[in-house]
Protein backbone atom coordinates (compact mmCIF):
# COMPACT_ATOMS: atom_id res chain seq x y z
CA GLY A 1 12.60 -2.89 36.50
CA TYR A 2 13.54 -0.76 33.55
CA HIS A 3 16.21 -1.66 31.04
CA ALA A 4 17.92 0.64 28.54
CA GLN A 5 20.66 -0.03 26.01
CA LEU A 6 22.01 2.03 23.15
CA ALA A 7 23.92 1.62 19.91
CA THR A 8 25.48 4.22 17.64
CA HIS A 9 25.83 4.18 13.89
CA PRO A 10 29.48 3.92 12.74
CA THR A 11 29.16 6.41 9.85
CA LEU A 12 25.97 8.42 10.46
CA PRO A 13 25.12 10.78 13.33
CA MET A 14 22.45 8.36 14.63
CA MET A 15 21.86 6.66 17.97
CA TYR A 16 19.44 3.80 18.70
CA ILE A 17 18.03 3.36 22.21
CA GLY A 18 16.14 0.27 23.33
CA TRP A 19 14.27 0.65 26.61
CA GLY A 20 11.26 -0.50 28.55
CA LEU A 21 10.07 -2.62 31.41
CA THR A 22 11.63 -6.05 31.83
CA TRP A 23 8.23 -7.74 32.14
CA SER A 24 6.47 -5.79 29.36
CA SER A 25 5.78 -7.05 25.85
CA GLU A 26 5.50 -3.48 24.51
CA ASN A 27 8.95 -1.97 24.91
CA MET A 28 10.40 0.61 22.54
CA VAL A 29 13.38 1.35 20.35
CA HIS A 30 14.08 4.95 19.35
CA ALA A 31 16.17 6.30 16.48
CA VAL A 32 17.70 9.67 17.41
CA GLU A 33 19.65 12.00 15.14
CA LEU A 34 22.71 13.63 16.71
CA ALA A 35 24.21 17.08 16.12
CA ASP A 36 27.67 17.69 17.58
CA GLY A 37 27.13 14.61 19.76
CA PHE A 38 23.80 15.81 21.21
CA PRO A 39 20.27 14.53 20.42
CA THR A 40 18.28 16.75 18.08
CA LEU A 41 14.65 16.83 16.92
CA LEU A 42 12.09 14.23 17.97
CA PRO A 43 13.07 10.55 17.95
CA GLN A 44 11.46 7.98 15.69
CA GLU A 45 9.73 5.32 17.79
CA LEU A 46 9.33 1.60 17.18
CA VAL A 47 7.19 -0.42 19.60
CA THR A 48 8.56 -3.95 19.92
CA PRO A 49 8.84 -6.67 22.57
CA ASN A 50 12.60 -6.07 22.80
CA ASP A 51 14.53 -7.75 25.59
CA SER A 52 18.01 -7.07 24.23
CA GLY A 53 19.64 -3.84 23.26
CA PRO A 54 19.63 -2.80 19.61
CA ILE A 55 22.58 -4.06 17.54
CA LEU A 56 23.50 -2.34 14.29
CA LEU A 57 24.39 -4.53 11.30
CA PRO A 58 26.06 -1.89 9.09
CA LYS A 59 26.74 -4.03 6.01
CA LEU A 60 23.08 -5.10 5.87
CA ASN A 61 21.84 -1.63 6.89
CA ARG A 62 19.59 -3.23 9.52
CA LEU A 63 19.04 -3.01 13.24
CA ALA A 64 18.75 -6.30 15.15
CA ILE A 65 16.51 -6.44 18.22
CA GLY A 66 16.17 -9.58 20.33
CA SER A 67 13.10 -10.84 22.15
CA ALA A 68 12.18 -14.24 23.54
CA GLY A 69 12.38 -16.83 20.76
CA ARG A 70 13.16 -14.45 17.90
CA VAL A 71 15.36 -11.75 16.46
CA LEU A 72 13.74 -8.82 14.66
CA LEU A 73 15.72 -7.26 11.78
CA VAL A 74 14.53 -3.74 10.92
CA LYS A 75 15.72 -2.21 7.64
CA LEU A 76 17.08 1.34 7.88
CA THR A 77 16.94 4.17 5.35
CA ALA A 78 20.15 5.58 3.86
CA ASP A 79 19.89 8.28 6.57
CA GLY A 80 19.62 5.70 9.37
CA TRP A 81 15.89 5.97 10.16
CA PHE A 82 13.53 2.98 10.57
CA THR A 83 11.57 1.70 7.58
CA ARG A 84 8.43 -0.44 7.64
CA ASP A 85 10.48 -3.33 6.24
CA ALA A 86 11.21 -5.77 9.07
CA SER A 87 11.57 -9.52 9.37
CA ALA A 88 11.41 -11.77 12.40
CA ILE A 89 13.68 -14.80 12.59
CA ALA A 90 12.66 -17.56 14.98
CA VAL A 91 15.49 -18.77 17.22
CA GLY A 92 14.76 -21.80 19.39
CA HIS A 93 15.85 -21.68 23.04
CA TYR A 94 16.71 -17.95 22.84
CA VAL A 95 15.62 -15.97 25.91
CA GLY A 96 16.20 -12.60 24.22
CA GLU A 97 18.49 -10.95 26.75
CA ALA A 98 21.61 -10.37 24.64
CA LEU A 99 22.94 -10.09 21.11
CA ALA A 100 26.48 -9.43 19.89
CA TYR A 101 27.92 -8.38 16.54
CA SER A 102 31.42 -8.91 15.15
CA ALA A 103 32.43 -6.35 12.53
CA LYS A 104 35.53 -8.40 11.71
CA PHE A 105 33.51 -11.48 10.76
CA ASP A 106 30.26 -9.62 9.91
CA ARG A 107 28.28 -12.00 12.12
CA LEU A 108 25.41 -11.55 14.55
CA TYR A 109 25.78 -13.86 17.56
CA VAL A 110 22.62 -15.04 19.29
CA PRO A 111 23.11 -16.98 22.56
CA VAL A 112 20.76 -19.85 23.37
CA GLU A 113 19.97 -21.52 26.70
CA THR A 114 20.35 -25.07 25.41
CA LEU A 115 21.06 -26.63 22.05
CA PRO A 116 18.07 -28.22 20.29
C-alpha cells in the first residue's frame, strides 16, 4: 500500500512530504512552501527509495530520509529547498521504516533489527 509522512521546518514556511508505494524503490520526497499554512506554488521533487518519513536536522540544515540499509542526508538551501548535495550513510541491519530526531540532544536515532 501507500505510505505518506510529513515534516515541517521549525523556522521556515516549508513542509517536506515523503510518500510512495511500500514495495517500490522509486518513492518521492517533496519540498513544499507554505503561505498562511497552505501549500503554494509547485513542490520540488526528489526521487529516492525512501521507506521512512523525512526528518529535519535543523542545526545541520539537512533532511534525513531512511531506506533499507542506509540513511540519505540531503542538504537544504537557506530557504529550505533541496540541493544536489546529498550523502548516503550505510547502516547495517537497518530496515528503513523509521527515524527519530531529538532537538534537545541534536541526535538522529536510527533503529536496527539486530546489533552487528
